[in-house]
């Protein structure tokens, strides 16, 4: 039986996708907010729910931790000692945006990486949250990164890979450290920039006019600042080292851009903009080749 810990956007979307694909005939969810779990049953996303974490863990053949990053750490700390007592623990995976912190916790609690724990991260989401925002097509043509380590059970890895493939996702493997570094640059940093920009402009004396006359570019760039603040606080703290490195890299480039503007270095500005346009156009072409809409 599939058990999902945390029935929000990602957990709910996964449950719906696995039901539609036929991968899982029965899904039970656990969470703190009974109203969300009840809503999941009403919408036909899950078959049942429990507020008892131990009961949820004991019933699972596949256990998906779909909680925010820092809560996922707490989940592993709580459930791994119980699972270590079972002759055949369930296959465990997660959806968190940071992997290194989960690997460290798991190795500390288990005494090494649990063989049937396959850490993963679907590169899909929305600025909306909650089970009612769930979408069975959320993962279609999106990548899911798995971060297997030496000693992982081959059958467990194959099962998690098949689970995500059944949602329409492209499943790829990556080392834990590489994952956290790549996501810091491509996901975590952009969210920090969007939050910082909106916060800075909201505090400006001209904020009313700024937001009244903001055009499409501002709207598109700052859309992700509507994402869940608690989730992104947790991600920033969990991936602190890689995120600080990405922020420092960007800060250096921004300082260079400011200097070029201040010194009226038109050629330098043009070179920067031309390089960036070429890289962005290549990225759009890559998305199109993968069947994803241009961003």
Protein backbone atom coordinates (compact mmCIF):
# COMPACT_ATOMS: atom_id res chain seq x y z
CA UNK A 1 0.00 0.00 0.00
CA UNK A 2 1.13 3.53 -0.79
CA UNK A 3 1.29 5.83 2.23
CA UNK A 4 1.94 9.55 1.82
CA UNK A 5 3.13 11.62 4.75
CA UNK A 6 1.86 15.14 4.07
CA UNK A 7 -1.04 15.69 1.69
CA UNK A 8 -0.26 19.03 0.08
CA UNK A 9 0.33 20.08 -3.51
CA UNK A 10 3.06 17.51 -4.25
CA UNK A 11 1.71 14.66 -2.14
CA UNK A 12 -1.80 15.14 -3.47
CA UNK A 13 -0.62 15.42 -7.07
CA UNK A 14 1.44 12.25 -6.70
CA UNK A 15 -1.51 10.35 -5.23
CA UNK A 16 -3.74 11.46 -8.10
CA UNK A 17 -1.14 10.65 -10.76
CA UNK A 18 -0.48 7.18 -9.35
CA UNK A 19 -4.20 6.45 -9.16
CA UNK A 20 -4.71 7.56 -12.78
CA UNK A 21 -1.74 5.52 -14.02
CA UNK A 22 -2.83 2.40 -12.17
CA UNK A 23 0.47 2.19 -10.29
CA UNK A 24 -1.29 2.22 -6.93
CA UNK A 25 -4.79 0.90 -6.25
CA UNK A 26 -4.93 2.15 -2.67
CA UNK A 27 -3.43 5.24 -1.05
CA UNK A 28 -3.57 6.35 2.56
CA UNK A 29 -2.28 9.68 3.84
CA UNK A 30 -1.06 10.94 7.19
CA UNK A 31 -0.90 14.54 8.32
CA UNK A 32 -1.51 16.98 11.15
CA UNK A 33 -4.47 18.82 9.59
CA UNK A 34 -7.46 16.50 9.58
CA UNK A 35 -9.48 18.96 7.49
CA UNK A 36 -7.00 18.63 4.60
CA UNK A 37 -7.01 14.85 4.88
CA UNK A 38 -10.80 14.76 4.90
CA UNK A 39 -10.81 16.97 1.82
CA UNK A 40 -8.45 14.53 0.13
CA UNK A 41 -10.95 11.73 0.70
CA UNK A 42 -13.85 13.90 -0.50
CA UNK A 43 -12.00 14.72 -3.73
CA UNK A 44 -11.15 11.07 -4.32
CA UNK A 45 -7.41 11.74 -4.06
CA UNK A 46 -6.83 9.25 -1.25
CA UNK A 47 -8.83 6.27 0.00
CA UNK A 48 -8.35 6.88 3.70
CA UNK A 49 -6.24 8.76 6.21
CA UNK A 50 -4.85 8.43 9.70
CA UNK A 51 -3.57 10.88 12.30
CA UNK A 52 -1.42 8.12 13.83
CA UNK A 53 2.06 8.27 12.30
CA UNK A 54 3.10 4.86 13.65
CA UNK A 55 0.01 3.24 12.15
CA UNK A 56 0.71 4.90 8.80
CA UNK A 57 4.31 3.69 8.77
CA UNK A 58 3.37 0.15 9.77
CA UNK A 59 0.83 -0.11 6.94
CA UNK A 60 3.15 1.08 4.18
CA UNK A 61 4.73 -0.90 1.39
CA UNK A 62 5.87 2.37 -0.19
CA UNK A 63 6.26 5.38 2.09
CA UNK A 64 6.52 8.83 0.50
CA UNK A 65 7.58 11.70 2.75
CA UNK A 66 5.88 14.71 1.13
CA UNK A 67 6.42 17.23 3.91
CA UNK A 68 8.49 20.44 3.83
CA UNK A 69 12.25 19.96 3.97
CA UNK A 70 12.94 20.47 7.66
CA UNK A 71 9.86 18.49 8.68
CA UNK A 72 11.11 15.67 6.45
CA UNK A 73 14.22 15.56 8.64
CA UNK A 74 12.00 15.16 11.70
CA UNK A 75 10.03 12.43 9.95
CA UNK A 76 13.17 10.42 9.28
CA UNK A 77 14.38 10.88 12.85
CA UNK A 78 11.07 9.55 14.12
CA UNK A 79 10.28 6.72 11.75
CA UNK A 80 13.68 5.18 10.96
CA UNK A 81 14.23 3.67 14.43
CA UNK A 82 10.81 2.00 14.16
CA UNK A 83 11.51 0.73 10.65
CA UNK A 84 14.89 -0.65 11.65
CA UNK A 85 13.05 -3.19 13.80
CA UNK A 86 11.08 -4.58 10.83
CA UNK A 87 12.51 -7.57 8.93
CA UNK A 88 11.51 -5.94 5.64
CA UNK A 89 11.06 -2.16 5.92
CA UNK A 90 8.97 -0.41 3.30
CA UNK A 91 10.57 1.39 0.41
CA UNK A 92 10.92 5.01 1.50
CA UNK A 93 11.32 8.07 -0.68
CA UNK A 94 10.67 11.79 -0.40
CA UNK A 95 10.00 14.92 -2.46
CA UNK A 96 12.09 17.48 -0.58
CA UNK A 97 14.04 20.17 -2.41
CA UNK A 98 17.25 19.52 -0.46
CA UNK A 99 18.93 16.10 -0.12
CA UNK A 100 22.10 16.56 1.90
CA UNK A 101 20.38 17.27 5.19
CA UNK A 102 18.16 14.19 4.81
CA UNK A 103 21.12 11.97 3.99
CA UNK A 104 22.99 13.19 7.07
CA UNK A 105 20.01 12.59 9.36
CA UNK A 106 19.34 9.14 7.90
CA UNK A 107 22.96 8.04 8.26
CA UNK A 108 23.09 9.29 11.84
CA UNK A 109 19.89 7.54 12.90
CA UNK A 110 20.40 4.30 10.95
CA UNK A 111 24.17 4.04 11.29
CA UNK A 112 24.59 4.33 7.53
CA UNK A 113 22.27 5.01 4.64
CA UNK A 114 19.16 2.79 4.91
CA UNK A 115 19.20 0.43 1.90
CA UNK A 116 15.52 1.01 1.08
CA UNK A 117 15.60 4.82 1.43
CA UNK A 118 15.78 6.37 -2.05
CA UNK A 119 15.91 10.16 -1.83
CA UNK A 120 14.18 12.00 -4.66
CA UNK A 121 12.98 15.39 -5.83
CA UNK A 122 10.36 16.14 -8.49
CA UNK A 123 11.28 19.34 -10.36
CA UNK A 124 7.69 20.49 -10.58
CA UNK A 125 5.48 22.70 -8.52
CA UNK A 126 3.33 25.79 -8.34
CA UNK A 127 3.04 28.99 -6.37
CA UNK A 128 -0.22 27.50 -5.07
CA UNK A 129 -0.25 25.07 -2.17
CA UNK A 130 -2.55 22.59 -0.48
CA UNK A 131 -4.37 19.45 -1.53
CA UNK A 132 -7.00 21.37 -3.51
CA UNK A 133 -4.23 22.69 -5.79
CA UNK A 134 -3.10 19.14 -6.62
CA UNK A 135 -2.90 18.16 -10.28
CA UNK A 136 -2.45 14.62 -11.66
CA UNK A 137 -0.51 16.05 -14.62
CA UNK A 138 1.89 18.10 -12.49
CA UNK A 139 4.85 15.83 -13.23
CA UNK A 140 4.21 15.13 -16.92
CA UNK A 141 7.32 16.02 -18.98
CA UNK A 142 9.07 17.24 -15.85
CA UNK A 143 12.19 15.72 -14.38
CA UNK A 144 12.40 13.81 -11.14
CA UNK A 145 15.90 13.60 -9.69
CA UNK A 146 16.79 10.52 -7.66
CA UNK A 147 19.98 10.57 -5.59
CA UNK A 148 20.85 6.89 -5.02
CA UNK A 149 23.92 6.08 -2.97
CA UNK A 150 26.16 3.05 -2.69
CA UNK A 151 24.38 0.36 -0.73
CA UNK A 152 20.86 1.26 -1.86
CA UNK A 153 18.72 -1.79 -2.57
CA UNK A 154 18.43 -2.28 -6.34
CA UNK A 155 14.81 -3.43 -6.17
CA UNK A 156 13.85 -0.42 -4.04
CA UNK A 157 15.52 1.94 -6.50
CA UNK A 158 13.76 0.27 -9.43
CA UNK A 159 10.39 0.59 -7.68
CA UNK A 160 10.82 4.31 -6.96
CA UNK A 161 12.00 4.88 -10.52
CA UNK A 162 8.94 3.05 -11.88
CA UNK A 163 6.64 5.01 -9.56
CA UNK A 164 7.81 8.36 -10.87
CA UNK A 165 7.94 7.18 -14.48
CA UNK A 166 4.27 6.21 -14.21
CA UNK A 167 3.41 9.87 -13.51
CA UNK A 168 4.80 10.91 -16.90
CA UNK A 169 8.04 12.27 -15.47
CA UNK A 170 11.56 11.82 -16.82
CA UNK A 171 13.60 10.17 -14.06
CA UNK A 172 17.31 10.99 -13.80
CA UNK A 173 20.02 10.20 -11.24
CA UNK A 174 22.33 12.68 -9.58
CA UNK A 175 24.75 12.73 -6.67
CA UNK A 176 23.41 14.30 -3.48
CA UNK A 177 25.93 17.15 -3.37
CA UNK A 178 25.48 17.90 -7.08
CA UNK A 179 21.71 18.01 -6.65
CA UNK A 180 21.88 20.53 -3.84
CA UNK A 181 24.34 22.73 -5.74
CA UNK A 182 22.32 22.67 -8.97
CA UNK A 183 19.01 23.35 -7.21
CA UNK A 184 20.56 26.18 -5.21
CA UNK A 185 21.40 27.93 -8.48
CA UNK A 186 18.34 27.09 -10.56
CA UNK A 187 15.51 27.11 -8.01
CA UNK A 188 16.49 28.34 -4.57
CA UNK A 189 18.39 31.45 -5.71
CA UNK A 190 15.58 32.65 -8.05
CA UNK A 191 13.11 32.39 -5.18
CA UNK A 192 15.41 34.41 -2.92
CA UNK A 193 15.73 37.08 -5.63
CA UNK A 194 11.98 37.27 -6.18
CA UNK A 195 11.27 37.56 -2.45
CA UNK A 196 14.01 40.18 -2.02
CA UNK A 197 12.84 42.27 -5.00
CA UNK A 198 9.19 42.33 -3.94
CA UNK A 199 10.10 43.04 -0.33
CA UNK A 200 12.44 45.88 -1.32
CA UNK A 201 9.95 47.52 -3.67
CA UNK A 202 7.07 47.08 -1.22
CA UNK A 203 9.07 49.13 1.27
CA UNK A 204 9.72 51.93 -1.21
CA UNK A 205 7.97 55.28 -0.85
CA UNK A 206 6.78 54.80 -4.43
CA UNK A 207 5.50 51.26 -3.89
CA UNK A 208 1.90 52.09 -4.77
CA UNK A 209 2.84 53.41 -8.21
CA UNK A 210 5.45 50.70 -8.72
CA UNK A 211 2.92 47.91 -8.32
CA UNK A 212 0.14 49.79 -10.13
CA UNK A 213 2.18 50.25 -13.30
CA UNK A 214 4.29 47.07 -13.16
CA UNK A 215 4.26 45.28 -16.51
CA UNK A 216 4.30 41.63 -17.51
CA UNK A 217 8.00 41.13 -16.93
CA UNK A 218 7.68 42.12 -13.28
CA UNK A 219 4.64 39.90 -12.87
CA UNK A 220 6.34 36.88 -14.44
CA UNK A 221 9.60 37.29 -12.53
CA UNK A 222 7.96 37.84 -9.15
CA UNK A 223 5.24 35.17 -9.45
CA UNK A 224 7.27 32.76 -7.31
CA UNK A 225 7.29 35.27 -4.45
CA UNK A 226 3.72 34.06 -3.85
CA UNK A 227 5.09 30.65 -2.86
CA UNK A 228 4.77 29.33 0.68
CA UNK A 229 7.13 31.42 2.88
CA UNK A 230 7.53 28.67 5.51
CA UNK A 231 8.58 26.13 2.90
CA UNK A 232 11.15 28.49 1.41
CA UNK A 233 12.51 29.49 4.79
CA UNK A 234 13.13 25.80 5.45
CA UNK A 235 14.76 25.25 2.05
CA UNK A 236 17.07 28.24 2.53
CA UNK A 237 18.23 26.96 5.90
CA UNK A 238 18.54 23.33 4.84
CA UNK A 239 20.65 24.18 1.77
CA UNK A 240 22.52 27.05 3.38
CA UNK A 241 26.05 26.34 2.13
CA UNK A 242 25.12 25.82 -1.54
CA UNK A 243 22.65 28.71 -1.51
CA UNK A 244 25.18 31.13 -0.03
CA UNK A 245 27.63 30.14 -2.76
CA UNK A 246 24.97 30.85 -5.41
CA UNK A 247 24.06 34.19 -3.81
CA UNK A 248 27.71 35.23 -3.70
CA UNK A 249 28.18 34.31 -7.37
CA UNK A 250 25.12 36.33 -8.37
CA UNK A 251 26.09 39.26 -6.13
CA UNK A 252 29.45 39.47 -7.88
CA UNK A 253 27.79 39.58 -11.31
CA UNK A 254 25.25 42.15 -10.13
CA UNK A 255 28.04 44.32 -8.74
CA UNK A 256 29.81 44.14 -12.11
CA UNK A 257 26.60 45.14 -13.89
CA UNK A 258 26.13 48.08 -11.54
CA UNK A 259 29.71 49.22 -12.22
CA UNK A 260 29.19 49.01 -15.98
CA UNK A 261 26.03 51.14 -15.71
CA UNK A 262 27.68 53.66 -13.40
CA UNK A 263 30.70 54.00 -15.70
CA UNK A 264 28.56 54.02 -18.85
CA UNK A 265 30.34 50.96 -20.23
CA UNK A 266 27.90 50.25 -23.03
CA UNK A 267 30.04 47.56 -24.65
CA UNK A 268 30.27 45.64 -21.36
CA UNK A 269 26.50 45.85 -20.87
CA UNK A 270 25.88 44.67 -24.42
CA UNK A 271 28.25 41.73 -23.98
CA UNK A 272 26.55 40.68 -20.76
CA UNK A 273 23.07 40.96 -22.23
CA UNK A 274 24.10 39.12 -25.42
CA UNK A 275 25.62 36.21 -23.47
CA UNK A 276 22.55 36.00 -21.27
CA UNK A 277 20.16 36.08 -24.23
CA UNK A 278 22.06 33.29 -25.96
CA UNK A 279 22.00 31.13 -22.84
CA UNK A 280 18.30 31.80 -22.23
CA UNK A 281 17.38 31.06 -25.86
CA UNK A 282 19.28 27.78 -25.66
CA UNK A 283 17.37 26.91 -22.48
CA UNK A 284 14.03 27.66 -24.19
CA UNK A 285 15.02 25.41 -27.09
CA UNK A 286 15.89 22.63 -24.65
CA UNK A 287 12.46 22.93 -23.02
CA UNK A 288 10.77 22.82 -26.42
CA UNK A 289 12.73 19.69 -27.36
CA UNK A 290 11.51 18.02 -24.16
CA UNK A 291 7.91 18.91 -24.95
CA UNK A 292 7.62 21.53 -22.23
CA UNK A 293 6.06 24.94 -22.92
CA UNK A 294 8.57 27.80 -23.29
CA UNK A 295 9.07 29.67 -20.04
